[in-house]
Amino acid sequence: MMKLLVFLILIFDQLLTVSCAKKLHECTLFIQDYSPGDPELVCECNDPTKQNKRLVSIQGAPDKLWEMFDDGEIQSSVDVLIAKGATCDDKTFIIPNEKKVTIYQPPPDTAGKLPTVGTRDVLVLRVSARTGDRITNTPTHSRDKLINDIFGDGKVSLRNQFNLCSIGQLEMAPVESSDVSDGVYDVTVDVVSDNKRMDYANDAIAAAGAILGSLESYHHVMVCLPPDLSYSDVSGSWIAFAPVNGYKSIYNDEWCHYVSASMHEIGHNLNLAHSMEGFDEYGDNSGMVCVQYALYHIPILSVCDQLKIHIALSLSVAYV
């Protein structure tokens, strides 16, 4: 009888654990910036049992949340959406009752600031796509070219440009480990019909994480997707996107090689916003977090002056 009782208690405990794992009441809010396109509010489910958490869409949220987003009142990667009975799958944070939602906002002075000096490690995921066992889509350019365009010395690379713009105060260094050399890691994901760009990026991060462990330990993870994937959330061409104050940035094939695109998106990771001219958010075309150029060799534009100001004043938000 005692053994049976212990057995039933263990079974109940396991069922309770599974049930609780499915009831994820919290998610951290992120503002995701698209180039081109309007920003989107997404969230990262706060599941302590998982690493390499996925950014997902929000379903069933009250109008108040979207009003706060439109009014610029959301602190990306800081504010938390708390919803009683909410669940989270690989694509959506689902809120069953919008009346039981709380938006927790820490005071601005306790939200924390990203360091804009020192060394920040960068992991680049070079993504290929497969259908079944066959590789059907690979990046346009070689791994060596990707290394050179992001980390190369003596030319306009992401690493070199951030170093120049910060007067040598901010170093973007390639991740080096037993599994990663020169900061670039090749990964393959499955092609799934009607997928979204974020789904491919999430899948690539999960596949890399299965080998490398938690990618959240790196300051920046650049996800370089191959060309010509079918996306349900975009028509025509696109460039890149990234969550503000996050660690991920996602690029459409060749745009991973262009310094203007990588500086723009990693600028958002560093909590930099678009510079404005008048009422046009992209009106000032002199800065790299405002406009991207499909060129390998670009001039050192005024982004440098703005980044120097950002570093000197240790601001949590700057405009470039």
C-alpha atoms as a PDB file:
ATOM      1  CA  MET A   1       0.000   0.000   0.000  1.00  0.00           C
ATOM      2  CA  MET A   2       2.808   2.407   0.930  1.00  0.00           C
ATOM      3  CA  LYS A   3       4.651   1.666  -2.330  1.00  0.00           C
ATOM      4  CA  LEU A   4       1.476   2.362  -4.300  1.00  0.00           C
ATOM      5  CA  LEU A   5       0.995   5.665  -2.476  1.00  0.00           C
ATOM      6  CA  VAL A   6       4.592   6.737  -3.198  1.00  0.00           C
ATOM      7  CA  PHE A   7       4.135   5.761  -6.842  1.00  0.00           C
ATOM      8  CA  LEU A   8       0.934   7.836  -7.154  1.00  0.00           C
ATOM      9  CA  ILE A   9       2.620  10.831  -5.526  1.00  0.00           C
ATOM     10  CA  LEU A  10       5.514  10.619  -8.012  1.00  0.00           C
ATOM     11  CA  ILE A  11       3.089  10.397 -10.954  1.00  0.00           C
ATOM     12  CA  PHE A  12       1.117  13.395  -9.653  1.00  0.00           C
ATOM     13  CA  ASP A  13       4.335  15.366  -9.239  1.00  0.00           C
ATOM     14  CA  GLN A  14       5.376  14.629 -12.836  1.00  0.00           C
ATOM     15  CA  LEU A  15       1.945  15.626 -14.171  1.00  0.00           C
ATOM     16  CA  LEU A  16       2.053  18.841 -12.155  1.00  0.00           C
ATOM     17  CA  THR A  17       5.519  19.623 -13.510  1.00  0.00           C
ATOM     18  CA  VAL A  18       4.379  19.109 -17.113  1.00  0.00           C
ATOM     19  CA  SER A  19       1.244  21.175 -16.514  1.00  0.00           C
ATOM     20  CA  CYS A  20       3.228  24.050 -15.001  1.00  0.00           C
ATOM     21  CA  ALA A  21       5.726  23.953 -17.858  1.00  0.00           C
ATOM     22  CA  LYS A  22       2.878  24.567 -20.316  1.00  0.00           C
ATOM     23  CA  LYS A  23       1.414  27.426 -18.278  1.00  0.00           C
ATOM     24  CA  LEU A  24       3.956  30.167 -18.888  1.00  0.00           C
ATOM     25  CA  HIS A  25       2.506  33.322 -17.413  1.00  0.00           C
ATOM     26  CA  GLU A  26       5.331  35.734 -18.256  1.00  0.00           C
ATOM     27  CA  CYS A  27       7.222  36.913 -21.300  1.00  0.00           C
ATOM     28  CA  THR A  28       9.832  39.634 -21.718  1.00  0.00           C
ATOM     29  CA  LEU A  29       8.871  42.233 -24.319  1.00  0.00           C
ATOM     30  CA  PHE A  30      11.127  43.150 -27.238  1.00  0.00           C
ATOM     31  CA  ILE A  31      10.750  45.793 -29.919  1.00  0.00           C
ATOM     32  CA  GLN A  32      11.862  44.190 -33.162  1.00  0.00           C
ATOM     33  CA  ASP A  33      13.076  46.579 -35.850  1.00  0.00           C
ATOM     34  CA  TYR A  34      12.712  45.551 -39.493  1.00  0.00           C
ATOM     35  CA  SER A  35      14.610  46.962 -42.467  1.00  0.00           C
ATOM     36  CA  PRO A  36      12.533  47.863 -44.334  1.00  0.00           C
ATOM     37  CA  GLY A  37       9.226  47.821 -42.449  1.00  0.00           C
ATOM     38  CA  ASP A  38       7.535  48.934 -39.272  1.00  0.00           C
ATOM     39  CA  PRO A  39       8.749  47.766 -35.867  1.00  0.00           C
ATOM     40  CA  GLU A  40       6.915  44.893 -34.199  1.00  0.00           C
ATOM     41  CA  LEU A  41       6.321  44.019 -30.555  1.00  0.00           C
ATOM     42  CA  VAL A  42       7.322  40.423 -29.785  1.00  0.00           C
ATOM     43  CA  CYS A  43       8.193  38.572 -26.614  1.00  0.00           C
ATOM     44  CA  GLU A  44      10.510  35.937 -25.191  1.00  0.00           C
ATOM     45  CA  CYS A  45       8.747  33.390 -22.978  1.00  0.00           C
ATOM     46  CA  ASN A  46      10.260  33.191 -19.505  1.00  0.00           C
ATOM     47  CA  ASP A  47      10.654  29.433 -19.305  1.00  0.00           C
ATOM     48  CA  PRO A  48      13.522  28.606 -16.912  1.00  0.00           C
ATOM     49  CA  THR A  49      13.706  25.053 -18.286  1.00  0.00           C
ATOM     50  CA  LYS A  50      14.809  26.248 -21.748  1.00  0.00           C
ATOM     51  CA  GLN A  51      17.896  27.933 -23.111  1.00  0.00           C
ATOM     52  CA  ASN A  52      18.149  29.857 -26.390  1.00  0.00           C
ATOM     53  CA  LYS A  53      14.606  31.158 -25.936  1.00  0.00           C
ATOM     54  CA  ARG A  54      12.588  31.960 -29.056  1.00  0.00           C
ATOM     55  CA  LEU A  55      11.135  35.351 -29.892  1.00  0.00           C
ATOM     56  CA  VAL A  56       7.435  34.833 -30.594  1.00  0.00           C
ATOM     57  CA  SER A  57       4.351  36.855 -31.534  1.00  0.00           C
ATOM     58  CA  ILE A  58       1.726  37.912 -28.980  1.00  0.00           C
ATOM     59  CA  GLN A  59      -1.915  36.853 -29.282  1.00  0.00           C
ATOM     60  CA  GLY A  60      -4.837  38.136 -27.226  1.00  0.00           C
ATOM     61  CA  ALA A  61      -3.117  41.125 -25.579  1.00  0.00           C
ATOM     62  CA  PRO A  62      -5.227  44.093 -24.417  1.00  0.00           C
ATOM     63  CA  ASP A  63      -5.359  47.319 -26.438  1.00  0.00           C
ATOM     64  CA  LYS A  64      -3.406  49.063 -23.673  1.00  0.00           C
ATOM     65  CA  LEU A  65      -0.266  47.120 -24.590  1.00  0.00           C
ATOM     66  CA  TRP A  66      -0.422  48.201 -28.235  1.00  0.00           C
ATOM     67  CA  GLU A  67      -1.152  51.802 -27.207  1.00  0.00           C
ATOM     68  CA  MET A  68       1.959  51.794 -25.002  1.00  0.00           C
ATOM     69  CA  PHE A  69       3.965  50.335 -27.898  1.00  0.00           C
ATOM     70  CA  ASP A  70       2.693  52.995 -30.328  1.00  0.00           C
ATOM     71  CA  ASP A  71       3.450  55.741 -27.802  1.00  0.00           C
ATOM     72  CA  GLY A  72       7.039  54.556 -27.268  1.00  0.00           C
ATOM     73  CA  GLU A  73       6.444  53.567 -23.649  1.00  0.00           C
ATOM     74  CA  ILE A  74       7.803  49.996 -23.897  1.00  0.00           C
ATOM     75  CA  GLN A  75      11.365  49.335 -22.635  1.00  0.00           C
ATOM     76  CA  SER A  76      12.654  46.626 -24.950  1.00  0.00           C
ATOM     77  CA  SER A  77      14.118  43.550 -23.176  1.00  0.00           C
ATOM     78  CA  VAL A  78      13.179  45.086 -19.808  1.00  0.00           C
ATOM     79  CA  ASP A  79       9.379  45.231 -19.506  1.00  0.00           C
ATOM     80  CA  VAL A  80       7.545  41.979 -18.737  1.00  0.00           C
ATOM     81  CA  LEU A  81       4.067  40.919 -19.841  1.00  0.00           C
ATOM     82  CA  ILE A  82       2.334  38.883 -17.114  1.00  0.00           C
ATOM     83  CA  ALA A  83      -0.872  37.072 -18.122  1.00  0.00           C
ATOM     84  CA  LYS A  84      -2.728  34.584 -15.939  1.00  0.00           C
ATOM     85  CA  GLY A  85      -3.146  31.213 -17.656  1.00  0.00           C
ATOM     86  CA  ALA A  86      -1.078  32.223 -20.696  1.00  0.00           C
ATOM     87  CA  THR A  87       0.667  29.539 -22.733  1.00  0.00           C
ATOM     88  CA  CYS A  88       3.639  29.684 -25.057  1.00  0.00           C
ATOM     89  CA  ASP A  89       4.577  27.492 -27.999  1.00  0.00           C
ATOM     90  CA  ASP A  90       7.381  27.875 -30.534  1.00  0.00           C
ATOM     91  CA  LYS A  91       5.600  30.707 -32.349  1.00  0.00           C
ATOM     92  CA  THR A  92       3.078  32.456 -30.087  1.00  0.00           C
ATOM     93  CA  PHE A  93       2.490  33.698 -26.531  1.00  0.00           C
ATOM     94  CA  ILE A  94      -1.256  33.122 -26.129  1.00  0.00           C
ATOM     95  CA  ILE A  95      -3.275  35.161 -23.625  1.00  0.00           C
ATOM     96  CA  PRO A  96      -6.682  33.581 -22.806  1.00  0.00           C
ATOM     97  CA  ASN A  97      -8.139  36.590 -20.961  1.00  0.00           C
ATOM     98  CA  GLU A  98      -6.986  40.137 -21.708  1.00  0.00           C
ATOM     99  CA  LYS A  99      -8.512  41.355 -18.425  1.00  0.00           C
ATOM    100  CA  LYS A 100      -5.975  39.330 -16.448  1.00  0.00           C
ATOM    101  CA  VAL A 101      -2.883  40.978 -17.886  1.00  0.00           C
ATOM    102  CA  THR A 102      -0.269  43.066 -16.107  1.00  0.00           C
ATOM    103  CA  ILE A 103       2.580  44.959 -17.768  1.00  0.00           C
ATOM    104  CA  TYR A 104       5.465  45.172 -15.317  1.00  0.00           C
ATOM    105  CA  GLN A 105       7.825  48.081 -15.974  1.00  0.00           C
ATOM    106  CA  PRO A 106      10.895  48.459 -13.728  1.00  0.00           C
ATOM    107  CA  PRO A 107      11.834  52.080 -13.016  1.00  0.00           C
ATOM    108  CA  PRO A 108      14.109  53.436 -15.799  1.00  0.00           C
ATOM    109  CA  ASP A 109      17.011  53.930 -13.407  1.00  0.00           C
ATOM    110  CA  THR A 110      16.936  50.233 -12.430  1.00  0.00           C
ATOM    111  CA  ALA A 111      16.489  48.836 -15.941  1.00  0.00           C
ATOM    112  CA  GLY A 112      20.221  48.515 -16.564  1.00  0.00           C
ATOM    113  CA  LYS A 113      22.364  49.894 -19.361  1.00  0.00           C
ATOM    114  CA  LEU A 114      24.286  48.018 -21.984  1.00  0.00           C
ATOM    115  CA  PRO A 115      28.037  48.601 -21.845  1.00  0.00           C
ATOM    116  CA  THR A 116      29.253  50.482 -24.900  1.00  0.00           C
ATOM    117  CA  VAL A 117      32.938  50.157 -24.143  1.00  0.00           C
ATOM    118  CA  GLY A 118      35.176  47.108 -23.876  1.00  0.00           C
ATOM    119  CA  THR A 119      35.077  43.847 -25.823  1.00  0.00           C
ATOM    120  CA  ARG A 120      31.830  42.287 -27.045  1.00  0.00           C
ATOM    121  CA  ASP A 121      31.986  38.782 -28.505  1.00  0.00           C
ATOM    122  CA  VAL A 122      30.177  38.102 -31.773  1.00  0.00           C
ATOM    123  CA  LEU A 123      28.990  34.715 -33.052  1.00  0.00           C
ATOM    124  CA  VAL A 124      27.945  34.509 -36.711  1.00  0.00           C
ATOM    125  CA  LEU A 125      25.620  31.677 -37.786  1.00  0.00           C
ATOM    126  CA  ARG A 126      26.024  30.914 -41.482  1.00  0.00           C
ATOM    127  CA  VAL A 127      22.742  29.163 -42.289  1.00  0.00           C
ATOM    128  CA  SER A 128      21.932  26.658 -45.032  1.00  0.00           C
ATOM    129  CA  ALA A 129      18.507  25.090 -45.648  1.00  0.00           C
ATOM    130  CA  ARG A 130      17.606  21.483 -46.412  1.00  0.00           C
ATOM    131  CA  THR A 131      14.586  19.577 -47.656  1.00  0.00           C
ATOM    132  CA  GLY A 132      14.746  16.064 -46.262  1.00  0.00           C
ATOM    133  CA  ASP A 133      18.356  14.935 -46.475  1.00  0.00           C
ATOM    134  CA  ARG A 134      19.248  17.254 -49.357  1.00  0.00           C
ATOM    135  CA  ILE A 135      20.795  20.711 -48.947  1.00  0.00           C
ATOM    136  CA  THR A 136      18.650  22.963 -51.136  1.00  0.00           C
ATOM    137  CA  ASN A 137      19.808  26.456 -50.271  1.00  0.00           C
ATOM    138  CA  THR A 138      23.170  27.833 -49.222  1.00  0.00           C
ATOM    139  CA  PRO A 139      24.552  31.351 -48.659  1.00  0.00           C
ATOM    140  CA  THR A 140      25.688  33.230 -51.760  1.00  0.00           C
ATOM    141  CA  HIS A 141      29.211  33.891 -50.490  1.00  0.00           C
ATOM    142  CA  SER A 142      31.877  31.755 -48.881  1.00  0.00           C
ATOM    143  CA  ARG A 143      32.648  31.367 -45.210  1.00  0.00           C
ATOM    144  CA  ASP A 144      36.029  33.076 -45.730  1.00  0.00           C
ATOM    145  CA  LYS A 145      34.386  36.136 -47.271  1.00  0.00           C
ATOM    146  CA  LEU A 146      31.951  36.319 -44.356  1.00  0.00           C
ATOM    147  CA  ILE A 147      34.819  36.226 -41.859  1.00  0.00           C
ATOM    148  CA  ASN A 148      36.652  38.926 -43.775  1.00  0.00           C
ATOM    149  CA  ASP A 149      33.640  41.229 -44.138  1.00  0.00           C
ATOM    150  CA  ILE A 150      32.718  41.031 -40.453  1.00  0.00           C
ATOM    151  CA  PHE A 151      36.032  40.617 -38.643  1.00  0.00           C
ATOM    152  CA  GLY A 152      38.690  41.545 -41.212  1.00  0.00           C
ATOM    153  CA  ASP A 153      41.507  43.973 -40.406  1.00  0.00           C
ATOM    154  CA  GLY A 154      42.744  46.699 -42.717  1.00  0.00           C
ATOM    155  CA  LYS A 155      39.399  47.217 -44.489  1.00  0.00           C
ATOM    156  CA  VAL A 156      35.867  48.409 -43.785  1.00  0.00           C
ATOM    157  CA  SER A 157      34.540  45.522 -41.725  1.00  0.00           C
ATOM    158  CA  LEU A 158      32.070  45.485 -38.859  1.00  0.00           C
ATOM    159  CA  ARG A 159      34.887  45.016 -36.360  1.00  0.00           C
ATOM    160  CA  ASN A 160      37.078  47.715 -37.882  1.00  0.00           C
ATOM    161  CA  GLN A 161      34.254  50.220 -38.218  1.00  0.00           C
ATOM    162  CA  PHE A 162      33.055  49.907 -34.611  1.00  0.00           C
ATOM    163  CA  ASN A 163      36.658  50.232 -33.452  1.00  0.00           C
ATOM    164  CA  LEU A 164      37.158  53.434 -35.477  1.00  0.00           C
ATOM    165  CA  CYS A 165      33.813  54.931 -34.525  1.00  0.00           C
ATOM    166  CA  SER A 166      34.393  54.319 -30.814  1.00  0.00           C
ATOM    167  CA  ILE A 167      37.955  55.681 -30.882  1.00  0.00           C
ATOM    168  CA  GLY A 168      39.208  52.209 -30.005  1.00  0.00           C
ATOM    169  CA  GLN A 169      36.838  51.826 -27.036  1.00  0.00           C
ATOM    170  CA  LEU A 170      34.469  49.173 -28.460  1.00  0.00           C
ATOM    171  CA  GLU A 171      35.833  45.900 -29.844  1.00  0.00           C
ATOM    172  CA  MET A 172      33.642  43.409 -31.725  1.00  0.00           C
ATOM    173  CA  ALA A 173      35.622  40.189 -31.315  1.00  0.00           C
ATOM    174  CA  PRO A 174      34.959  36.826 -33.009  1.00  0.00           C
ATOM    175  CA  VAL A 175      33.946  33.935 -30.767  1.00  0.00           C
ATOM    176  CA  GLU A 176      36.662  31.286 -30.503  1.00  0.00           C
ATOM    177  CA  SER A 177      36.038  27.858 -28.976  1.00  0.00           C
ATOM    178  CA  SER A 178      36.566  24.166 -29.648  1.00  0.00           C
ATOM    179  CA  ASP A 179      33.524  24.245 -31.967  1.00  0.00           C
ATOM    180  CA  VAL A 180      33.792  27.779 -33.405  1.00  0.00           C
ATOM    181  CA  SER A 181      36.717  29.253 -35.309  1.00  0.00           C
ATOM    182  CA  ASP A 182      37.033  32.858 -36.499  1.00  0.00           C
ATOM    183  CA  GLY A 183      33.603  33.666 -35.070  1.00  0.00           C
ATOM    184  CA  VAL A 184      31.589  31.778 -37.723  1.00  0.00           C
ATOM    185  CA  TYR A 185      29.579  28.578 -37.209  1.00  0.00           C
ATOM    186  CA  ASP A 186      27.813  26.735 -40.061  1.00  0.00           C
ATOM    187  CA  VAL A 187      24.344  25.398 -39.285  1.00  0.00           C
ATOM    188  CA  THR A 188      21.558  23.768 -41.334  1.00  0.00           C
ATOM    189  CA  VAL A 189      17.797  24.113 -40.804  1.00  0.00           C
ATOM    190  CA  ASP A 190      14.784  22.394 -42.369  1.00  0.00           C
ATOM    191  CA  VAL A 191      12.712  24.215 -44.985  1.00  0.00           C
ATOM    192  CA  VAL A 192       9.128  24.469 -43.760  1.00  0.00           C
ATOM    193  CA  SER A 193       6.419  25.888 -45.998  1.00  0.00           C
ATOM    194  CA  ASP A 194       4.882  29.203 -44.982  1.00  0.00           C
ATOM    195  CA  ASN A 195       7.567  29.886 -42.403  1.00  0.00           C
ATOM    196  CA  LYS A 196       8.419  33.332 -41.138  1.00  0.00           C
ATOM    197  CA  ARG A 197      11.870  34.864 -41.075  1.00  0.00           C
ATOM    198  CA  MET A 198      11.891  34.742 -37.282  1.00  0.00           C
ATOM    199  CA  ASP A 199      11.042  31.024 -37.386  1.00  0.00           C
ATOM    200  CA  TYR A 200      14.089  30.292 -39.531  1.00  0.00           C
ATOM    201  CA  ALA A 201      16.245  32.381 -37.205  1.00  0.00           C
ATOM    202  CA  ASN A 202      14.834  30.632 -34.127  1.00  0.00           C
ATOM    203  CA  ASP A 203      15.460  27.229 -35.725  1.00  0.00           C
ATOM    204  CA  ALA A 204      19.054  28.185 -36.588  1.00  0.00           C
ATOM    205  CA  ILE A 205      19.728  29.379 -33.039  1.00  0.00           C
ATOM    206  CA  ALA A 206      18.195  26.187 -31.606  1.00  0.00           C
ATOM    207  CA  ALA A 207      20.281  23.974 -33.925  1.00  0.00           C
ATOM    208  CA  ALA A 208      23.486  25.818 -33.027  1.00  0.00           C
ATOM    209  CA  GLY A 209      22.564  25.767 -29.351  1.00  0.00           C
ATOM    210  CA  ALA A 210      22.186  21.989 -29.425  1.00  0.00           C
ATOM    211  CA  ILE A 211      25.949  21.828 -30.050  1.00  0.00           C
ATOM    212  CA  LEU A 212      27.289  25.046 -28.552  1.00  0.00           C
ATOM    213  CA  GLY A 213      25.014  25.347 -25.521  1.00  0.00           C
ATOM    214  CA  SER A 214      23.321  28.601 -24.553  1.00  0.00           C
ATOM    215  CA  LEU A 215      23.934  31.331 -27.128  1.00  0.00           C
ATOM    216  CA  GLU A 216      22.597  33.876 -24.639  1.00  0.00           C
ATOM    217  CA  SER A 217      26.085  33.927 -23.131  1.00  0.00           C
ATOM    218  CA  TYR A 218      27.365  35.790 -26.218  1.00  0.00           C
ATOM    219  CA  HIS A 219      26.922  39.530 -26.596  1.00  0.00           C
ATOM    220  CA  HIS A 220      25.797  39.331 -30.233  1.00  0.00           C
ATOM    221  CA  VAL A 221      24.584  36.494 -32.471  1.00  0.00           C
ATOM    222  CA  MET A 222      24.302  37.366 -36.172  1.00  0.00           C
ATOM    223  CA  VAL A 223      22.064  34.965 -38.121  1.00  0.00           C
ATOM    224  CA  CYS A 224      22.884  34.993 -41.850  1.00  0.00           C
ATOM    225  CA  LEU A 225      20.000  33.315 -43.708  1.00  0.00           C
ATOM    226  CA  PRO A 226      20.400  31.962 -47.270  1.00  0.00           C
ATOM    227  CA  PRO A 227      18.627  33.620 -50.224  1.00  0.00           C
ATOM    228  CA  ASP A 228      15.262  32.783 -51.779  1.00  0.00           C
ATOM    229  CA  LEU A 229      13.565  31.250 -48.749  1.00  0.00           C
ATOM    230  CA  SER A 230       9.786  31.518 -48.825  1.00  0.00           C
ATOM    231  CA  TYR A 231       8.421  33.809 -46.123  1.00  0.00           C
ATOM    232  CA  SER A 232       4.785  34.245 -45.159  1.00  0.00           C
ATOM    233  CA  ASP A 233       5.397  37.522 -43.364  1.00  0.00           C
ATOM    234  CA  VAL A 234       7.062  39.545 -46.124  1.00  0.00           C
ATOM    235  CA  SER A 235       6.591  40.156 -49.828  1.00  0.00           C
ATOM    236  CA  GLY A 236       9.470  41.235 -52.008  1.00  0.00           C
ATOM    237  CA  SER A 237      12.985  41.883 -50.792  1.00  0.00           C
ATOM    238  CA  TRP A 238      14.064  42.555 -47.228  1.00  0.00           C
ATOM    239  CA  ILE A 239      17.334  43.462 -45.561  1.00  0.00           C
ATOM    240  CA  ALA A 240      17.584  42.568 -41.883  1.00  0.00           C
ATOM    241  CA  PHE A 241      15.952  42.902 -38.470  1.00  0.00           C
ATOM    242  CA  ALA A 242      16.912  42.829 -34.793  1.00  0.00           C
ATOM    243  CA  PRO A 243      15.358  43.204 -31.342  1.00  0.00           C
ATOM    244  CA  VAL A 244      16.244  46.462 -29.602  1.00  0.00           C
ATOM    245  CA  ASN A 245      18.403  45.849 -26.520  1.00  0.00           C
ATOM    246  CA  GLY A 246      18.696  42.163 -27.451  1.00  0.00           C
ATOM    247  CA  TYR A 247      21.541  39.969 -28.670  1.00  0.00           C
ATOM    248  CA  LYS A 248      20.218  38.611 -31.995  1.00  0.00           C
ATOM    249  CA  SER A 249      20.282  40.152 -35.464  1.00  0.00           C
ATOM    250  CA  ILE A 250      18.992  38.440 -38.616  1.00  0.00           C
ATOM    251  CA  TYR A 251      20.079  39.152 -42.198  1.00  0.00           C
ATOM    252  CA  ASN A 252      18.941  38.284 -45.700  1.00  0.00           C
ATOM    253  CA  ASP A 253      21.925  36.567 -47.331  1.00  0.00           C
ATOM    254  CA  GLU A 254      24.297  39.184 -48.817  1.00  0.00           C
ATOM    255  CA  TRP A 255      23.200  41.860 -46.355  1.00  0.00           C
ATOM    256  CA  CYS A 256      25.149  40.007 -43.687  1.00  0.00           C
ATOM    257  CA  HIS A 257      28.287  41.156 -45.537  1.00  0.00           C
ATOM    258  CA  TYR A 258      27.385  44.850 -45.774  1.00  0.00           C
ATOM    259  CA  VAL A 259      28.772  46.918 -42.909  1.00  0.00           C
ATOM    260  CA  SER A 260      25.927  49.433 -43.068  1.00  0.00           C
ATOM    261  CA  ALA A 261      23.401  46.651 -42.386  1.00  0.00           C
ATOM    262  CA  SER A 262      25.342  44.933 -39.602  1.00  0.00           C
ATOM    263  CA  MET A 263      26.150  48.229 -37.845  1.00  0.00           C
ATOM    264  CA  HIS A 264      22.498  49.235 -38.132  1.00  0.00           C
ATOM    265  CA  GLU A 265      21.151  46.048 -36.534  1.00  0.00           C
ATOM    266  CA  ILE A 266      23.837  45.676 -33.872  1.00  0.00           C
ATOM    267  CA  GLY A 267      23.256  49.352 -33.166  1.00  0.00           C
ATOM    268  CA  HIS A 268      19.705  48.370 -32.239  1.00  0.00           C
ATOM    269  CA  ASN A 269      21.129  45.580 -30.029  1.00  0.00           C
ATOM    270  CA  LEU A 270      23.063  48.346 -28.273  1.00  0.00           C
ATOM    271  CA  ASN A 271      19.780  50.209 -27.698  1.00  0.00           C
ATOM    272  CA  LEU A 272      20.430  52.837 -30.383  1.00  0.00           C
ATOM    273  CA  ALA A 273      17.335  54.192 -32.118  1.00  0.00           C
ATOM    274  CA  HIS A 274      16.837  55.724 -35.563  1.00  0.00           C
ATOM    275  CA  SER A 275      17.920  59.317 -36.075  1.00  0.00           C
ATOM    276  CA  MET A 276      15.118  61.558 -37.261  1.00  0.00           C
ATOM    277  CA  GLU A 277      14.810  64.577 -39.474  1.00  0.00           C
ATOM    278  CA  GLY A 278      11.543  66.397 -38.949  1.00  0.00           C
ATOM    279  CA  PHE A 279       8.857  63.754 -38.523  1.00  0.00           C
ATOM    280  CA  ASP A 280      10.643  61.161 -40.662  1.00  0.00           C
ATOM    281  CA  GLU A 281      12.159  58.418 -38.486  1.00  0.00           C
ATOM    282  CA  TYR A 282      14.609  57.563 -41.308  1.00  0.00           C
ATOM    283  CA  GLY A 283      15.030  61.192 -42.374  1.00  0.00           C
ATOM    284  CA  ASP A 284      18.697  61.581 -41.459  1.00  0.00           C
ATOM    285  CA  ASN A 285      20.558  59.452 -44.003  1.00  0.00           C
ATOM    286  CA  SER A 286      24.007  60.259 -42.644  1.00  0.00           C
ATOM    287  CA  GLY A 287      23.944  57.623 -39.915  1.00  0.00           C
ATOM    288  CA  MET A 288      24.291  53.853 -40.080  1.00  0.00           C
ATOM    289  CA  VAL A 289      21.361  53.161 -37.784  1.00  0.00           C
ATOM    290  CA  CYS A 290      19.152  55.068 -40.163  1.00  0.00           C
ATOM    291  CA  VAL A 291      20.049  53.777 -43.608  1.00  0.00           C
ATOM    292  CA  GLN A 292      21.799  50.762 -45.143  1.00  0.00           C
ATOM    293  CA  TYR A 293      23.934  50.724 -48.275  1.00  0.00           C
ATOM    294  CA  ALA A 294      24.510  47.696 -50.495  1.00  0.00           C
ATOM    295  CA  LEU A 295      28.214  48.464 -50.721  1.00  0.00           C
ATOM    296  CA  TYR A 296      31.260  46.709 -49.311  1.00  0.00           C
ATOM    297  CA  HIS A 297      33.377  49.853 -49.015  1.00  0.00           C
ATOM    298  CA  ILE A 298      31.499  52.714 -47.386  1.00  0.00           C
ATOM    299  CA  PRO A 299      32.682  56.068 -46.032  1.00  0.00           C
ATOM    300  CA  ILE A 300      32.934  56.610 -42.286  1.00  0.00           C
ATOM    301  CA  LEU A 301      29.716  58.558 -41.832  1.00  0.00           C
ATOM    302  CA  SER A 302      28.390  60.606 -38.922  1.00  0.00           C
ATOM    303  CA  VAL A 303      27.435  57.440 -37.052  1.00  0.00           C
ATOM    304  CA  CYS A 304      30.963  57.702 -35.671  1.00  0.00           C
ATOM    305  CA  ASP A 305      30.313  61.072 -34.048  1.00  0.00           C
ATOM    306  CA  GLN A 306      27.050  59.828 -32.566  1.00  0.00           C
ATOM    307  CA  LEU A 307      28.598  56.630 -31.253  1.00  0.00           C
ATOM    308  CA  LYS A 308      31.383  58.657 -29.606  1.00  0.00           C
ATOM    309  CA  ILE A 309      28.729  60.734 -27.858  1.00  0.00           C
ATOM    310  CA  HIS A 310      26.894  57.566 -26.803  1.00  0.00           C
ATOM    311  CA  ILE A 311      30.055  56.145 -25.269  1.00  0.00           C
ATOM    312  CA  ALA A 312      31.172  59.377 -23.662  1.00  0.00           C
ATOM    313  CA  LEU A 313      27.851  60.061 -21.966  1.00  0.00           C
ATOM    314  CA  SER A 314      27.026  56.379 -21.177  1.00  0.00           C
ATOM    315  CA  LEU A 315      23.454  56.894 -22.350  1.00  0.00           C
ATOM    316  CA  SER A 316      21.019  53.982 -22.361  1.00  0.00           C
ATOM    317  CA  VAL A 317      19.394  55.355 -25.535  1.00  0.00           C
ATOM    318  CA  ALA A 318      21.072  57.359 -28.280  1.00  0.00           C
ATOM    319  CA  TYR A 319      20.172  58.322 -31.822  1.00  0.00           C
ATOM    320  CA  VAL A 320      22.436  57.655 -34.768  1.00  0.00           C
END
